[in-house]
Amino acid sequence: MLYILDYISLICMLLLVICVLVGVAFLTLLERKV
């Protein structure tokens, strides 16, 4: 069970990092267009 929880937490962390990077890239693209 501990290993499964570790994998889930790791995946959640990766998803959060990816979402943040996508958000930052999207904002920079919007700023460049404006």
PDB file of N, CA and C in Angstrom:
ATOM      1  N   MET A   1       0.842  -1.210   0.000  1.00  0.00           N
ATOM      2  CA  MET A   1       0.000   0.000   0.000  1.00  0.00           C
ATOM      3  C   MET A   1       0.872   1.252   0.000  1.00  0.00           C
ATOM      4  N   LEU A   2       1.962   1.233   0.784  1.00  0.00           N
ATOM      5  CA  LEU A   2       2.814   2.424   0.857  1.00  0.00           C
ATOM      6  C   LEU A   2       3.391   2.753  -0.513  1.00  0.00           C
ATOM      7  N   TYR A   3       3.799   1.713  -1.252  1.00  0.00           N
ATOM      8  CA  TYR A   3       4.371   1.968  -2.573  1.00  0.00           C
ATOM      9  C   TYR A   3       3.326   2.610  -3.494  1.00  0.00           C
ATOM     10  N   ILE A   4       2.090   2.106  -3.428  1.00  0.00           N
ATOM     11  CA  ILE A   4       1.018   2.655  -4.277  1.00  0.00           C
ATOM     12  C   ILE A   4       0.781   4.116  -3.926  1.00  0.00           C
ATOM     13  N   LEU A   5       0.749   4.433  -2.636  1.00  0.00           N
ATOM     14  CA  LEU A   5       0.533   5.829  -2.219  1.00  0.00           C
ATOM     15  C   LEU A   5       1.682   6.701  -2.706  1.00  0.00           C
ATOM     16  N   ASP A   6       2.906   6.176  -2.646  1.00  0.00           N
ATOM     17  CA  ASP A   6       4.064   6.949  -3.111  1.00  0.00           C
ATOM     18  C   ASP A   6       3.939   7.233  -4.611  1.00  0.00           C
ATOM     19  N   TYR A   7       3.525   6.235  -5.382  1.00  0.00           N
ATOM     20  CA  TYR A   7       3.382   6.440  -6.823  1.00  0.00           C
ATOM     21  C   TYR A   7       2.296   7.468  -7.109  1.00  0.00           C
ATOM     22  N   ILE A   8       1.164   7.381  -6.382  1.00  0.00           N
ATOM     23  CA  ILE A   8       0.061   8.328  -6.591  1.00  0.00           C
ATOM     24  C   ILE A   8       0.517   9.744  -6.258  1.00  0.00           C
ATOM     25  N   SER A   9       1.232   9.909  -5.147  1.00  0.00           N
ATOM     26  CA  SER A   9       1.702  11.248  -4.752  1.00  0.00           C
ATOM     27  C   SER A   9       2.698  11.769  -5.785  1.00  0.00           C
ATOM     28  N   LEU A  10       3.559  10.885  -6.307  1.00  0.00           N
ATOM     29  CA  LEU A  10       4.548  11.301  -7.305  1.00  0.00           C
ATOM     30  C   LEU A  10       3.846  11.753  -8.584  1.00  0.00           C
ATOM     31  N   ILE A  11       2.838  10.991  -9.019  1.00  0.00           N
ATOM     32  CA  ILE A  11       2.085  11.349 -10.226  1.00  0.00           C
ATOM     33  C   ILE A  11       1.368  12.678 -10.019  1.00  0.00           C
ATOM     34  N   CYS A  12       0.783  12.878  -8.827  1.00  0.00           N
ATOM     35  CA  CYS A  12       0.080  14.139  -8.543  1.00  0.00           C
ATOM     36  C   CYS A  12       1.060  15.306  -8.618  1.00  0.00           C
ATOM     37  N   MET A  13       2.256  15.122  -8.072  1.00  0.00           N
ATOM     38  CA  MET A  13       3.256  16.195  -8.099  1.00  0.00           C
ATOM     39  C   MET A  13       3.637  16.515  -9.546  1.00  0.00           C
ATOM     40  N   LEU A  14       3.839  15.475 -10.368  1.00  0.00           N
ATOM     41  CA  LEU A  14       4.201  15.696 -11.772  1.00  0.00           C
ATOM     42  C   LEU A  14       3.082  16.432 -12.504  1.00  0.00           C
ATOM     43  N   LEU A  15       1.817  16.041 -12.233  1.00  0.00           N
ATOM     44  CA  LEU A  15       0.686  16.702 -12.889  1.00  0.00           C
ATOM     45  C   LEU A  15       0.631  18.168 -12.490  1.00  0.00           C
ATOM     46  N   LEU A  16       0.872  18.466 -11.209  1.00  0.00           N
ATOM     47  CA  LEU A  16       0.847  19.862 -10.750  1.00  0.00           C
ATOM     48  C   LEU A  16       1.937  20.665 -11.447  1.00  0.00           C
ATOM     49  N   VAL A  17       3.146  20.090 -11.546  1.00  0.00           N
ATOM     50  CA  VAL A  17       4.258  20.795 -12.198  1.00  0.00           C
ATOM     51  C   VAL A  17       3.927  21.054 -13.668  1.00  0.00           C
ATOM     52  N   ILE A  18       3.374  20.049 -14.351  1.00  0.00           N
ATOM     53  CA  ILE A  18       3.029  20.204 -15.768  1.00  0.00           C
ATOM     54  C   ILE A  18       1.965  21.285 -15.933  1.00  0.00           C
ATOM     55  N   CYS A  19       0.950  21.274 -15.051  1.00  0.00           N
ATOM     56  CA  CYS A  19      -0.115  22.284 -15.135  1.00  0.00           C
ATOM     57  C   CYS A  19       0.470  23.679 -14.949  1.00  0.00           C
ATOM     58  N   VAL A  20       1.393  23.832 -14.007  1.00  0.00           N
ATOM     59  CA  VAL A  20       2.004  25.146 -13.754  1.00  0.00           C
ATOM     60  C   VAL A  20       2.805  25.595 -14.978  1.00  0.00           C
ATOM     61  N   LEU A  21       3.585  24.681 -15.557  1.00  0.00           N
ATOM     62  CA  LEU A  21       4.391  25.035 -16.737  1.00  0.00           C
ATOM     63  C   LEU A  21       3.489  25.428 -17.906  1.00  0.00           C
ATOM     64  N   VAL A  22       2.414  24.675 -18.123  1.00  0.00           N
ATOM     65  CA  VAL A  22       1.483  24.988 -19.217  1.00  0.00           C
ATOM     66  C   VAL A  22       0.833  26.344 -18.969  1.00  0.00           C
ATOM     67  N   GLY A  23       0.446  26.614 -17.720  1.00  0.00           N
ATOM     68  CA  GLY A  23      -0.182  27.904 -17.386  1.00  0.00           C
ATOM     69  C   GLY A  23       0.770  29.054 -17.643  1.00  0.00           C
ATOM     70  N   VAL A  24       2.023  28.906 -17.220  1.00  0.00           N
ATOM     71  CA  VAL A  24       3.014  29.972 -17.427  1.00  0.00           C
ATOM     72  C   VAL A  24       3.254  30.187 -18.919  1.00  0.00           C
ATOM     73  N   ALA A  25       3.396  29.108 -19.672  1.00  0.00           N
ATOM     74  CA  ALA A  25       3.630  29.228 -21.116  1.00  0.00           C
ATOM     75  C   ALA A  25       2.428  29.896 -21.781  1.00  0.00           C
ATOM     76  N   PHE A  26       1.209  29.541 -21.357  1.00  0.00           N
ATOM     77  CA  PHE A  26      -0.002  30.131 -21.939  1.00  0.00           C
ATOM     78  C   PHE A  26      -0.052  31.625 -21.655  1.00  0.00           C
ATOM     79  N   LEU A  27       0.281  32.015 -20.420  1.00  0.00           N
ATOM     80  CA  LEU A  27       0.266  33.444 -20.055  1.00  0.00           C
ATOM     81  C   LEU A  27       1.310  34.210 -20.857  1.00  0.00           C
ATOM     82  N   THR A  28       2.488  33.628 -21.039  1.00  0.00           N
ATOM     83  CA  THR A  28       3.539  34.321 -21.802  1.00  0.00           C
ATOM     84  C   THR A  28       3.100  34.484 -23.259  1.00  0.00           C
ATOM     85  N   LEU A  29       2.429  33.473 -23.818  1.00  0.00           N
ATOM     86  CA  LEU A  29       1.961  33.576 -25.203  1.00  0.00           C
ATOM     87  C   LEU A  29       0.910  34.672 -25.313  1.00  0.00           C
ATOM     88  N   LEU A  30       0.000  34.754 -24.325  1.00  0.00           N
ATOM     89  CA  LEU A  30      -1.032  35.796 -24.344  1.00  0.00           C
ATOM     90  C   LEU A  30      -0.379  37.168 -24.259  1.00  0.00           C
ATOM     91  N   GLU A  31       0.628  37.308 -23.400  1.00  0.00           N
ATOM     92  CA  GLU A  31       1.300  38.604 -23.255  1.00  0.00           C
ATOM     93  C   GLU A  31       1.997  38.986 -24.556  1.00  0.00           C
ATOM     94  N   ARG A  32       2.577  38.009 -25.241  1.00  0.00           N
ATOM     95  CA  ARG A  32       3.264  38.306 -26.502  1.00  0.00           C
ATOM     96  C   ARG A  32       2.260  38.747 -27.559  1.00  0.00           C
ATOM     97  N   LYS A  33       1.087  38.101 -27.604  1.00  0.00           N
ATOM     98  CA  LYS A  33       0.061  38.480 -28.587  1.00  0.00           C
ATOM     99  C   LYS A  33      -0.419  39.898 -28.307  1.00  0.00           C
ATOM    100  N   VAL A  34      -0.574  40.246 -27.034  1.00  0.00           N
ATOM    101  CA  VAL A  34      -1.058  41.592 -26.663  1.00  0.00           C
ATOM    102  C   VAL A  34       0.124  42.562 -26.702  1.00  0.00           C
TER     103      VAL A  34
END
